[in-house]
Amino acid sequence: MAVSFTNNFKNILDQLRKVLRDEFKGTLPIYIGHETKEVATQYLRLDPIGSTLNEYSISSEMREFQVNMFYYFADPNVNKSSLDHVLRFVSRIEALIHDNIKMTLTDNTSCFNCRIDSTELNALDDENEYVVQFEWRGQHLANMG
């Protein structure tokens, strides 16, 4: 007998990308995984990391999902003006996630307690880009029966 399931990672990633795209309206391309086309001077990449089982019962389970978000800014020599630009985007992304502490997914379930746990500036050792890494987390109740 085949198991029935919902691709919760896809639903969460799609909704997170929608929230970000609605805010930035094309000024910041948003990619999931490594579909990055790297055609813009700045873009955001969502990289799913994993999930942790928080609560388990016979009728449901609650998991916390983790997604790393990478903001890429194509300027190897970040001066004060470009750093101000990067920091404005960082603050805007953090505020946007705070304002979307709960997201309704396409299957009408919710991802809640959505937050950015940490932000690391100049996170990757890349000669051509300044990269900011955000650690996003959100909880989801599923497998209700």
C-alpha atoms as a PDB file:
ATOM      1  CA  MET A   1       0.000   0.000   0.000  1.00  0.00           C
ATOM      2  CA  ALA A   2       1.408   3.369  -1.040  1.00  0.00           C
ATOM      3  CA  VAL A   3       1.784   6.029   1.608  1.00  0.00           C
ATOM      4  CA  SER A   4      -0.025   9.334   1.123  1.00  0.00           C
ATOM      5  CA  PHE A   5       2.026  12.425   1.823  1.00  0.00           C
ATOM      6  CA  THR A   6       2.387  16.142   1.233  1.00  0.00           C
ATOM      7  CA  ASN A   7       5.660  17.691   0.119  1.00  0.00           C
ATOM      8  CA  ASN A   8       5.875  20.110   3.053  1.00  0.00           C
ATOM      9  CA  PHE A   9       9.349  21.347   2.110  1.00  0.00           C
ATOM     10  CA  LYS A  10       8.105  22.403  -1.328  1.00  0.00           C
ATOM     11  CA  ASN A  11       5.028  24.111   0.126  1.00  0.00           C
ATOM     12  CA  ILE A  12       7.106  26.026   2.673  1.00  0.00           C
ATOM     13  CA  LEU A  13       9.786  27.036   0.163  1.00  0.00           C
ATOM     14  CA  ASP A  14       7.198  28.139  -2.417  1.00  0.00           C
ATOM     15  CA  GLN A  15       5.362  30.289   0.142  1.00  0.00           C
ATOM     16  CA  LEU A  16       8.580  31.782   1.528  1.00  0.00           C
ATOM     17  CA  ARG A  17       9.646  32.682  -2.017  1.00  0.00           C
ATOM     18  CA  LYS A  18       6.203  34.211  -2.679  1.00  0.00           C
ATOM     19  CA  VAL A  19       6.423  36.380   0.452  1.00  0.00           C
ATOM     20  CA  LEU A  20       9.870  37.616  -0.608  1.00  0.00           C
ATOM     21  CA  ARG A  21       8.875  38.158  -4.261  1.00  0.00           C
ATOM     22  CA  ASP A  22       5.753  40.088  -3.255  1.00  0.00           C
ATOM     23  CA  GLU A  23       7.900  42.422  -1.161  1.00  0.00           C
ATOM     24  CA  PHE A  24      10.706  43.011  -3.660  1.00  0.00           C
ATOM     25  CA  LYS A  25       8.563  42.968  -6.833  1.00  0.00           C
ATOM     26  CA  GLY A  26      11.314  41.905  -9.231  1.00  0.00           C
ATOM     27  CA  THR A  27      14.128  44.049  -7.798  1.00  0.00           C
ATOM     28  CA  LEU A  28      15.597  41.009  -6.035  1.00  0.00           C
ATOM     29  CA  PRO A  29      15.442  37.681  -7.899  1.00  0.00           C
ATOM     30  CA  ILE A  30      14.618  34.779  -5.543  1.00  0.00           C
ATOM     31  CA  TYR A  31      15.861  31.255  -6.336  1.00  0.00           C
ATOM     32  CA  ILE A  32      15.342  27.915  -4.610  1.00  0.00           C
ATOM     33  CA  GLY A  33      18.293  25.561  -4.326  1.00  0.00           C
ATOM     34  CA  HIS A  34      20.920  25.811  -6.996  1.00  0.00           C
ATOM     35  CA  GLU A  35      18.705  27.006  -9.842  1.00  0.00           C
ATOM     36  CA  THR A  36      20.590  30.306  -9.548  1.00  0.00           C
ATOM     37  CA  LYS A  37      21.158  31.988 -12.866  1.00  0.00           C
ATOM     38  CA  GLU A  38      23.478  34.621 -11.379  1.00  0.00           C
ATOM     39  CA  VAL A  39      22.464  37.206 -13.962  1.00  0.00           C
ATOM     40  CA  ALA A  40      21.721  40.000 -11.511  1.00  0.00           C
ATOM     41  CA  THR A  41      24.009  42.137  -9.408  1.00  0.00           C
ATOM     42  CA  GLN A  42      22.074  40.905  -6.375  1.00  0.00           C
ATOM     43  CA  TYR A  43      19.802  37.943  -5.691  1.00  0.00           C
ATOM     44  CA  LEU A  44      18.530  35.729  -2.879  1.00  0.00           C
ATOM     45  CA  ARG A  45      18.896  31.940  -2.808  1.00  0.00           C
ATOM     46  CA  LEU A  46      16.815  29.686  -0.539  1.00  0.00           C
ATOM     47  CA  ASP A  47      18.639  26.500   0.418  1.00  0.00           C
ATOM     48  CA  PRO A  48      16.623  23.899   2.382  1.00  0.00           C
ATOM     49  CA  ILE A  49      18.717  22.379   5.180  1.00  0.00           C
ATOM     50  CA  GLY A  50      16.479  19.974   7.090  1.00  0.00           C
ATOM     51  CA  SER A  51      13.735  19.492   9.632  1.00  0.00           C
ATOM     52  CA  THR A  52      13.584  18.457  13.262  1.00  0.00           C
ATOM     53  CA  LEU A  53      10.746  16.557  14.872  1.00  0.00           C
ATOM     54  CA  ASN A  54       9.507  18.652  17.829  1.00  0.00           C
ATOM     55  CA  GLU A  55       6.336  16.800  18.827  1.00  0.00           C
ATOM     56  CA  TYR A  56       4.990  13.424  17.827  1.00  0.00           C
ATOM     57  CA  SER A  57       1.667  11.749  18.511  1.00  0.00           C
ATOM     58  CA  ILE A  58      -0.531   9.112  16.952  1.00  0.00           C
ATOM     59  CA  SER A  59      -2.574  11.831  15.253  1.00  0.00           C
ATOM     60  CA  SER A  60       0.072  14.355  14.092  1.00  0.00           C
ATOM     61  CA  GLU A  61       3.631  15.549  14.160  1.00  0.00           C
ATOM     62  CA  MET A  62       5.135  19.011  14.478  1.00  0.00           C
ATOM     63  CA  ARG A  63       8.402  19.667  12.695  1.00  0.00           C
ATOM     64  CA  GLU A  64      10.667  22.679  12.611  1.00  0.00           C
ATOM     65  CA  PHE A  65      12.017  23.351   9.140  1.00  0.00           C
ATOM     66  CA  GLN A  66      15.337  25.084   8.504  1.00  0.00           C
ATOM     67  CA  VAL A  67      16.236  27.027   5.375  1.00  0.00           C
ATOM     68  CA  ASN A  68      19.437  28.950   4.773  1.00  0.00           C
ATOM     69  CA  MET A  69      18.863  32.131   2.812  1.00  0.00           C
ATOM     70  CA  PHE A  70      21.847  33.608   0.988  1.00  0.00           C
ATOM     71  CA  TYR A  71      21.761  37.225  -0.196  1.00  0.00           C
ATOM     72  CA  TYR A  72      24.382  37.739  -2.913  1.00  0.00           C
ATOM     73  CA  PHE A  73      25.670  41.194  -3.810  1.00  0.00           C
ATOM     74  CA  ALA A  74      28.083  41.244  -6.753  1.00  0.00           C
ATOM     75  CA  ASP A  75      30.753  43.640  -5.561  1.00  0.00           C
ATOM     76  CA  PRO A  76      34.059  42.269  -4.317  1.00  0.00           C
ATOM     77  CA  ASN A  77      35.167  45.660  -2.942  1.00  0.00           C
ATOM     78  CA  VAL A  78      32.323  46.703  -0.689  1.00  0.00           C
ATOM     79  CA  ASN A  79      32.708  50.377   0.174  1.00  0.00           C
ATOM     80  CA  LYS A  80      30.567  52.429   2.568  1.00  0.00           C
ATOM     81  CA  SER A  81      27.875  53.167  -0.021  1.00  0.00           C
ATOM     82  CA  SER A  82      27.483  49.560  -1.169  1.00  0.00           C
ATOM     83  CA  LEU A  83      27.647  48.290   2.432  1.00  0.00           C
ATOM     84  CA  ASP A  84      24.802  50.691   3.311  1.00  0.00           C
ATOM     85  CA  HIS A  85      22.827  49.179   0.413  1.00  0.00           C
ATOM     86  CA  VAL A  86      23.490  45.628   1.633  1.00  0.00           C
ATOM     87  CA  LEU A  87      22.566  46.486   5.223  1.00  0.00           C
ATOM     88  CA  ARG A  88      19.283  48.101   4.068  1.00  0.00           C
ATOM     89  CA  PHE A  89      18.364  44.850   2.278  1.00  0.00           C
ATOM     90  CA  VAL A  90      19.392  42.784   5.315  1.00  0.00           C
ATOM     91  CA  SER A  91      17.212  44.874   7.631  1.00  0.00           C
ATOM     92  CA  ARG A  92      14.313  44.782   5.167  1.00  0.00           C
ATOM     93  CA  ILE A  93      14.483  40.973   4.852  1.00  0.00           C
ATOM     94  CA  GLU A  94      14.650  40.557   8.646  1.00  0.00           C
ATOM     95  CA  ALA A  95      11.644  42.879   9.103  1.00  0.00           C
ATOM     96  CA  LEU A  96       9.680  41.089   6.366  1.00  0.00           C
ATOM     97  CA  ILE A  97      10.165  37.693   8.011  1.00  0.00           C
ATOM     98  CA  HIS A  98       9.205  39.173  11.379  1.00  0.00           C
ATOM     99  CA  ASP A  99       5.989  40.523   9.819  1.00  0.00           C
ATOM    100  CA  ASN A 100       5.234  37.063   8.375  1.00  0.00           C
ATOM    101  CA  ILE A 101       5.531  35.010  11.545  1.00  0.00           C
ATOM    102  CA  LYS A 102       2.740  32.807  10.147  1.00  0.00           C
ATOM    103  CA  MET A 103       2.340  31.744   6.511  1.00  0.00           C
ATOM    104  CA  THR A 104      -0.621  29.882   5.019  1.00  0.00           C
ATOM    105  CA  LEU A 105       0.580  27.187   2.623  1.00  0.00           C
ATOM    106  CA  THR A 106      -1.071  25.959  -0.580  1.00  0.00           C
ATOM    107  CA  ASP A 107      -2.598  22.956   1.229  1.00  0.00           C
ATOM    108  CA  ASN A 108      -4.254  25.366   3.732  1.00  0.00           C
ATOM    109  CA  THR A 109      -1.977  24.325   6.579  1.00  0.00           C
ATOM    110  CA  SER A 110       0.212  26.916   8.304  1.00  0.00           C
ATOM    111  CA  CYS A 111       3.874  27.397   8.915  1.00  0.00           C
ATOM    112  CA  PHE A 112       4.171  29.323  12.192  1.00  0.00           C
ATOM    113  CA  ASN A 113       6.829  30.756  14.490  1.00  0.00           C
ATOM    114  CA  CYS A 114       8.667  31.778  11.302  1.00  0.00           C
ATOM    115  CA  ARG A 115      11.820  33.658  12.153  1.00  0.00           C
ATOM    116  CA  ILE A 116      15.403  34.396  11.280  1.00  0.00           C
ATOM    117  CA  ASP A 117      17.555  32.912  14.038  1.00  0.00           C
ATOM    118  CA  SER A 118      20.830  34.384  12.836  1.00  0.00           C
ATOM    119  CA  THR A 119      22.332  36.637  10.189  1.00  0.00           C
ATOM    120  CA  GLU A 120      25.981  36.426   9.177  1.00  0.00           C
ATOM    121  CA  LEU A 121      27.547  39.217   7.141  1.00  0.00           C
ATOM    122  CA  ASN A 122      30.207  38.375   4.555  1.00  0.00           C
ATOM    123  CA  ALA A 123      29.483  34.711   5.257  1.00  0.00           C
ATOM    124  CA  LEU A 124      31.182  33.017   2.311  1.00  0.00           C
ATOM    125  CA  ASP A 125      34.770  33.407   1.238  1.00  0.00           C
ATOM    126  CA  ASP A 126      33.962  34.601  -2.280  1.00  0.00           C
ATOM    127  CA  GLU A 127      36.265  36.951  -4.177  1.00  0.00           C
ATOM    128  CA  ASN A 128      33.558  38.334  -6.460  1.00  0.00           C
ATOM    129  CA  GLU A 129      30.535  38.674  -4.171  1.00  0.00           C
ATOM    130  CA  TYR A 130      29.543  39.880  -0.740  1.00  0.00           C
ATOM    131  CA  VAL A 131      27.271  37.194   0.752  1.00  0.00           C
ATOM    132  CA  VAL A 132      24.924  37.446   3.715  1.00  0.00           C
ATOM    133  CA  GLN A 133      23.590  34.210   5.227  1.00  0.00           C
ATOM    134  CA  PHE A 134      20.293  34.107   7.118  1.00  0.00           C
ATOM    135  CA  GLU A 135      19.143  31.057   9.081  1.00  0.00           C
ATOM    136  CA  TRP A 136      15.335  30.869   8.681  1.00  0.00           C
ATOM    137  CA  ARG A 137      13.208  28.512  10.786  1.00  0.00           C
ATOM    138  CA  GLY A 138       9.495  27.765  10.906  1.00  0.00           C
ATOM    139  CA  GLN A 139       7.256  25.136  12.484  1.00  0.00           C
ATOM    140  CA  HIS A 140       4.605  23.086  10.716  1.00  0.00           C
ATOM    141  CA  LEU A 141       1.952  20.708  12.054  1.00  0.00           C
ATOM    142  CA  ALA A 142       1.285  17.839   9.626  1.00  0.00           C
ATOM    143  CA  ASN A 143       0.376  14.194   9.166  1.00  0.00           C
ATOM    144  CA  MET A 144      -2.856  14.753  11.033  1.00  0.00           C
ATOM    145  CA  GLY A 145      -5.088  11.724  10.982  1.00  0.00           C
END
